[in-house]
Amino acid sequence: RIVHGKGLGSKNREPVLKHKLRSWLMQKDEVIAYAQAKPSDGGSGAVLVLLKT
């Protein structure tokens, strides 16, 4: 799980890290899949990542 936050403190209250993280994850060969976390795991402020072994 990667916690990037919801971006509530950023300019215009937009999630800057969320978009940059997802863009970065798409470029990595080690990443099989990723998805937004469940509310109990951080919801829209976190991403679950499945990595190759």
PDB file of N, CA and C in Angstrom:
ATOM      1  N   ARG A   1       0.852  -1.179   0.000  1.00  0.00           N
ATOM      2  CA  ARG A   1       0.000   0.000   0.000  1.00  0.00           C
ATOM      3  C   ARG A   1       0.889   1.231   0.000  1.00  0.00           C
ATOM      4  N   ILE A   2       0.565   2.175  -0.870  1.00  0.00           N
ATOM      5  CA  ILE A   2       1.251   3.457  -0.925  1.00  0.00           C
ATOM      6  C   ILE A   2       0.236   4.531  -0.548  1.00  0.00           C
ATOM      7  N   VAL A   3       0.547   5.291   0.486  1.00  0.00           N
ATOM      8  CA  VAL A   3      -0.332   6.371   0.927  1.00  0.00           C
ATOM      9  C   VAL A   3       0.206   7.682   0.361  1.00  0.00           C
ATOM     10  N   HIS A   4      -0.541   8.291  -0.549  1.00  0.00           N
ATOM     11  CA  HIS A   4      -0.125   9.541  -1.177  1.00  0.00           C
ATOM     12  C   HIS A   4      -0.922  10.725  -0.661  1.00  0.00           C
ATOM     13  N   GLY A   5      -1.949  10.475   0.106  1.00  0.00           N
ATOM     14  CA  GLY A   5      -2.797  11.541   0.628  1.00  0.00           C
ATOM     15  C   GLY A   5      -3.864  11.942  -0.379  1.00  0.00           C
ATOM     16  N   LYS A   6      -4.814  12.716   0.096  1.00  0.00           N
ATOM     17  CA  LYS A   6      -5.940  13.122  -0.749  1.00  0.00           C
ATOM     18  C   LYS A   6      -5.708  14.455  -1.443  1.00  0.00           C
ATOM     19  N   GLY A   7      -4.648  15.141  -1.106  1.00  0.00           N
ATOM     20  CA  GLY A   7      -4.333  16.405  -1.759  1.00  0.00           C
ATOM     21  C   GLY A   7      -5.103  17.595  -1.225  1.00  0.00           C
ATOM     22  N   LEU A   8      -5.686  17.470  -0.052  1.00  0.00           N
ATOM     23  CA  LEU A   8      -6.508  18.551   0.487  1.00  0.00           C
ATOM     24  C   LEU A   8      -5.697  19.787   0.844  1.00  0.00           C
ATOM     25  N   GLY A   9      -4.381  19.629   1.056  1.00  0.00           N
ATOM     26  CA  GLY A   9      -3.541  20.769   1.400  1.00  0.00           C
ATOM     27  C   GLY A   9      -2.827  21.381   0.211  1.00  0.00           C
ATOM     28  N   SER A  10      -2.999  20.819  -0.962  1.00  0.00           N
ATOM     29  CA  SER A  10      -2.298  21.319  -2.148  1.00  0.00           C
ATOM     30  C   SER A  10      -3.080  22.457  -2.808  1.00  0.00           C
ATOM     31  N   LYS A  11      -2.418  23.135  -3.728  1.00  0.00           N
ATOM     32  CA  LYS A  11      -3.048  24.242  -4.445  1.00  0.00           C
ATOM     33  C   LYS A  11      -4.313  23.737  -5.147  1.00  0.00           C
ATOM     34  N   ASN A  12      -5.375  24.473  -5.040  1.00  0.00           N
ATOM     35  CA  ASN A  12      -6.678  24.118  -5.628  1.00  0.00           C
ATOM     36  C   ASN A  12      -7.251  22.832  -5.053  1.00  0.00           C
ATOM     37  N   ARG A  13      -6.643  22.327  -3.979  1.00  0.00           N
ATOM     38  CA  ARG A  13      -7.107  21.105  -3.298  1.00  0.00           C
ATOM     39  C   ARG A  13      -7.194  19.915  -4.254  1.00  0.00           C
ATOM     40  N   GLU A  14      -6.290  19.864  -5.224  1.00  0.00           N
ATOM     41  CA  GLU A  14      -6.250  18.764  -6.185  1.00  0.00           C
ATOM     42  C   GLU A  14      -5.137  17.794  -5.808  1.00  0.00           C
ATOM     43  N   PRO A  15      -5.354  16.494  -5.983  1.00  0.00           N
ATOM     44  CA  PRO A  15      -4.363  15.473  -5.612  1.00  0.00           C
ATOM     45  C   PRO A  15      -3.210  15.369  -6.610  1.00  0.00           C
ATOM     46  N   VAL A  16      -2.147  16.121  -6.391  1.00  0.00           N
ATOM     47  CA  VAL A  16      -0.995  16.131  -7.291  1.00  0.00           C
ATOM     48  C   VAL A  16      -0.265  14.788  -7.270  1.00  0.00           C
ATOM     49  N   LEU A  17       0.059  14.294  -6.073  1.00  0.00           N
ATOM     50  CA  LEU A  17       0.830  13.050  -5.966  1.00  0.00           C
ATOM     51  C   LEU A  17       0.069  11.844  -6.499  1.00  0.00           C
ATOM     52  N   LYS A  18      -1.226  11.827  -6.326  1.00  0.00           N
ATOM     53  CA  LYS A  18      -2.048  10.708  -6.800  1.00  0.00           C
ATOM     54  C   LYS A  18      -1.857  10.495  -8.301  1.00  0.00           C
ATOM     55  N   HIS A  19      -1.941  11.567  -9.077  1.00  0.00           N
ATOM     56  CA  HIS A  19      -1.812  11.463 -10.530  1.00  0.00           C
ATOM     57  C   HIS A  19      -0.380  11.128 -10.946  1.00  0.00           C
ATOM     58  N   LYS A  20       0.590  11.733 -10.285  1.00  0.00           N
ATOM     59  CA  LYS A  20       1.990  11.457 -10.618  1.00  0.00           C
ATOM     60  C   LYS A  20       2.360  10.019 -10.267  1.00  0.00           C
ATOM     61  N   LEU A  21       1.864   9.518  -9.134  1.00  0.00           N
ATOM     62  CA  LEU A  21       2.143   8.144  -8.723  1.00  0.00           C
ATOM     63  C   LEU A  21       1.573   7.155  -9.737  1.00  0.00           C
ATOM     64  N   ARG A  22       0.349   7.346 -10.149  1.00  0.00           N
ATOM     65  CA  ARG A  22      -0.268   6.418 -11.106  1.00  0.00           C
ATOM     66  C   ARG A  22       0.445   6.431 -12.445  1.00  0.00           C
ATOM     67  N   SER A  23       0.877   7.596 -12.871  1.00  0.00           N
ATOM     68  CA  SER A  23       1.648   7.709 -14.107  1.00  0.00           C
ATOM     69  C   SER A  23       2.969   6.948 -13.977  1.00  0.00           C
ATOM     70  N   TRP A  24       3.626   7.096 -12.838  1.00  0.00           N
ATOM     71  CA  TRP A  24       4.897   6.416 -12.579  1.00  0.00           C
ATOM     72  C   TRP A  24       4.700   4.897 -12.515  1.00  0.00           C
ATOM     73  N   LEU A  25       3.633   4.440 -11.852  1.00  0.00           N
ATOM     74  CA  LEU A  25       3.372   3.005 -11.728  1.00  0.00           C
ATOM     75  C   LEU A  25       3.164   2.356 -13.095  1.00  0.00           C
ATOM     76  N   MET A  26       2.529   3.066 -14.023  1.00  0.00           N
ATOM     77  CA  MET A  26       2.285   2.517 -15.361  1.00  0.00           C
ATOM     78  C   MET A  26       3.587   2.287 -16.126  1.00  0.00           C
ATOM     79  N   GLN A  27       4.637   2.993 -15.774  1.00  0.00           N
ATOM     80  CA  GLN A  27       5.917   2.885 -16.468  1.00  0.00           C
ATOM     81  C   GLN A  27       6.796   1.757 -15.935  1.00  0.00           C
ATOM     82  N   LYS A  28       6.473   1.211 -14.783  1.00  0.00           N
ATOM     83  CA  LYS A  28       7.335   0.235 -14.122  1.00  0.00           C
ATOM     84  C   LYS A  28       6.984  -1.201 -14.519  1.00  0.00           C
ATOM     85  N   ASP A  29       7.987  -1.938 -15.008  1.00  0.00           N
ATOM     86  CA  ASP A  29       7.778  -3.335 -15.391  1.00  0.00           C
ATOM     87  C   ASP A  29       7.462  -4.217 -14.188  1.00  0.00           C
ATOM     88  N   GLU A  30       7.907  -3.813 -13.004  1.00  0.00           N
ATOM     89  CA  GLU A  30       7.694  -4.609 -11.793  1.00  0.00           C
ATOM     90  C   GLU A  30       6.247  -4.572 -11.307  1.00  0.00           C
ATOM     91  N   VAL A  31       5.468  -3.631 -11.797  1.00  0.00           N
ATOM     92  CA  VAL A  31       4.083  -3.455 -11.352  1.00  0.00           C
ATOM     93  C   VAL A  31       3.148  -4.276 -12.239  1.00  0.00           C
ATOM     94  N   ILE A  32       2.430  -5.193 -11.620  1.00  0.00           N
ATOM     95  CA  ILE A  32       1.447  -6.007 -12.338  1.00  0.00           C
ATOM     96  C   ILE A  32       0.111  -5.267 -12.411  1.00  0.00           C
ATOM     97  N   ALA A  33      -0.300  -4.689 -11.278  1.00  0.00           N
ATOM     98  CA  ALA A  33      -1.581  -3.983 -11.214  1.00  0.00           C
ATOM     99  C   ALA A  33      -1.592  -3.037 -10.027  1.00  0.00           C
ATOM    100  N   TYR A  34      -2.527  -2.098 -10.059  1.00  0.00           N
ATOM    101  CA  TYR A  34      -2.726  -1.200  -8.921  1.00  0.00           C
ATOM    102  C   TYR A  34      -4.181  -0.765  -8.898  1.00  0.00           C
ATOM    103  N   ALA A  35      -4.651  -0.399  -7.696  1.00  0.00           N
ATOM    104  CA  ALA A  35      -6.043   0.017  -7.541  1.00  0.00           C
ATOM    105  C   ALA A  35      -6.175   0.890  -6.307  1.00  0.00           C
ATOM    106  N   GLN A  36      -7.202   1.719  -6.310  1.00  0.00           N
ATOM    107  CA  GLN A  36      -7.477   2.545  -5.136  1.00  0.00           C
ATOM    108  C   GLN A  36      -7.768   1.638  -3.950  1.00  0.00           C
ATOM    109  N   ALA A  37      -7.296   2.029  -2.785  1.00  0.00           N
ATOM    110  CA  ALA A  37      -7.491   1.249  -1.569  1.00  0.00           C
ATOM    111  C   ALA A  37      -8.945   1.322  -1.096  1.00  0.00           C
ATOM    112  N   LYS A  38      -9.347   0.335  -0.303  1.00  0.00           N
ATOM    113  CA  LYS A  38     -10.659   0.360   0.342  1.00  0.00           C
ATOM    114  C   LYS A  38     -10.677   1.520   1.340  1.00  0.00           C
ATOM    115  N   PRO A  39     -11.849   2.016   1.688  1.00  0.00           N
ATOM    116  CA  PRO A  39     -11.920   3.114   2.662  1.00  0.00           C
ATOM    117  C   PRO A  39     -11.172   2.816   3.964  1.00  0.00           C
ATOM    118  N   SER A  40     -11.224   1.594   4.430  1.00  0.00           N
ATOM    119  CA  SER A  40     -10.532   1.236   5.676  1.00  0.00           C
ATOM    120  C   SER A  40      -9.018   1.195   5.522  1.00  0.00           C
ATOM    121  N   ASP A  41      -8.521   1.190   4.282  1.00  0.00           N
ATOM    122  CA  ASP A  41      -7.079   1.163   4.009  1.00  0.00           C
ATOM    123  C   ASP A  41      -6.560   2.495   3.467  1.00  0.00           C
ATOM    124  N   GLY A  42      -7.393   3.527   3.484  1.00  0.00           N
ATOM    125  CA  GLY A  42      -6.950   4.836   3.015  1.00  0.00           C
ATOM    126  C   GLY A  42      -7.801   5.424   1.916  1.00  0.00           C
ATOM    127  N   GLY A  43      -8.668   4.615   1.328  1.00  0.00           N
ATOM    128  CA  GLY A  43      -9.580   5.108   0.298  1.00  0.00           C
ATOM    129  C   GLY A  43      -8.881   5.830  -0.837  1.00  0.00           C
ATOM    130  N   SER A  44      -9.385   7.005  -1.199  1.00  0.00           N
ATOM    131  CA  SER A  44      -8.826   7.744  -2.329  1.00  0.00           C
ATOM    132  C   SER A  44      -7.466   8.362  -2.027  1.00  0.00           C
ATOM    133  N   GLY A  45      -6.991   8.215  -0.797  1.00  0.00           N
ATOM    134  CA  GLY A  45      -5.668   8.725  -0.434  1.00  0.00           C
ATOM    135  C   GLY A  45      -4.595   7.661  -0.458  1.00  0.00           C
ATOM    136  N   ALA A  46      -4.910   6.474  -0.973  1.00  0.00           N
ATOM    137  CA  ALA A  46      -3.931   5.385  -0.993  1.00  0.00           C
ATOM    138  C   ALA A  46      -4.162   4.474  -2.197  1.00  0.00           C
ATOM    139  N   VAL A  47      -3.100   3.782  -2.595  1.00  0.00           N
ATOM    140  CA  VAL A  47      -3.154   2.861  -3.728  1.00  0.00           C
ATOM    141  C   VAL A  47      -2.561   1.521  -3.301  1.00  0.00           C
ATOM    142  N   LEU A  48      -3.223   0.445  -3.667  1.00  0.00           N
ATOM    143  CA  LEU A  48      -2.679  -0.896  -3.459  1.00  0.00           C
ATOM    144  C   LEU A  48      -1.955  -1.297  -4.731  1.00  0.00           C
ATOM    145  N   VAL A  49      -0.748  -1.834  -4.581  1.00  0.00           N
ATOM    146  CA  VAL A  49       0.080  -2.170  -5.738  1.00  0.00           C
ATOM    147  C   VAL A  49       0.459  -3.642  -5.672  1.00  0.00           C
ATOM    148  N   LEU A  50       0.293  -4.358  -6.786  1.00  0.00           N
ATOM    149  CA  LEU A  50       0.705  -5.752  -6.908  1.00  0.00           C
ATOM    150  C   LEU A  50       1.996  -5.779  -7.716  1.00  0.00           C
ATOM    151  N   LEU A  51       3.059  -6.305  -7.099  1.00  0.00           N
ATOM    152  CA  LEU A  51       4.373  -6.335  -7.735  1.00  0.00           C
ATOM    153  C   LEU A  51       4.768  -7.742  -8.145  1.00  0.00           C
ATOM    154  N   LYS A  52       5.591  -7.848  -9.192  1.00  0.00           N
ATOM    155  CA  LYS A  52       6.163  -9.132  -9.590  1.00  0.00           C
ATOM    156  C   LYS A  52       7.142  -9.579  -8.515  1.00  0.00           C
ATOM    157  N   THR A  53       7.316 -10.887  -8.407  1.00  0.00           N
ATOM    158  CA  THR A  53       8.291 -11.403  -7.438  1.00  0.00           C
ATOM    159  C   THR A  53       9.587 -11.735  -8.121  1.00  0.00           C
TER     160      THR A  53
END
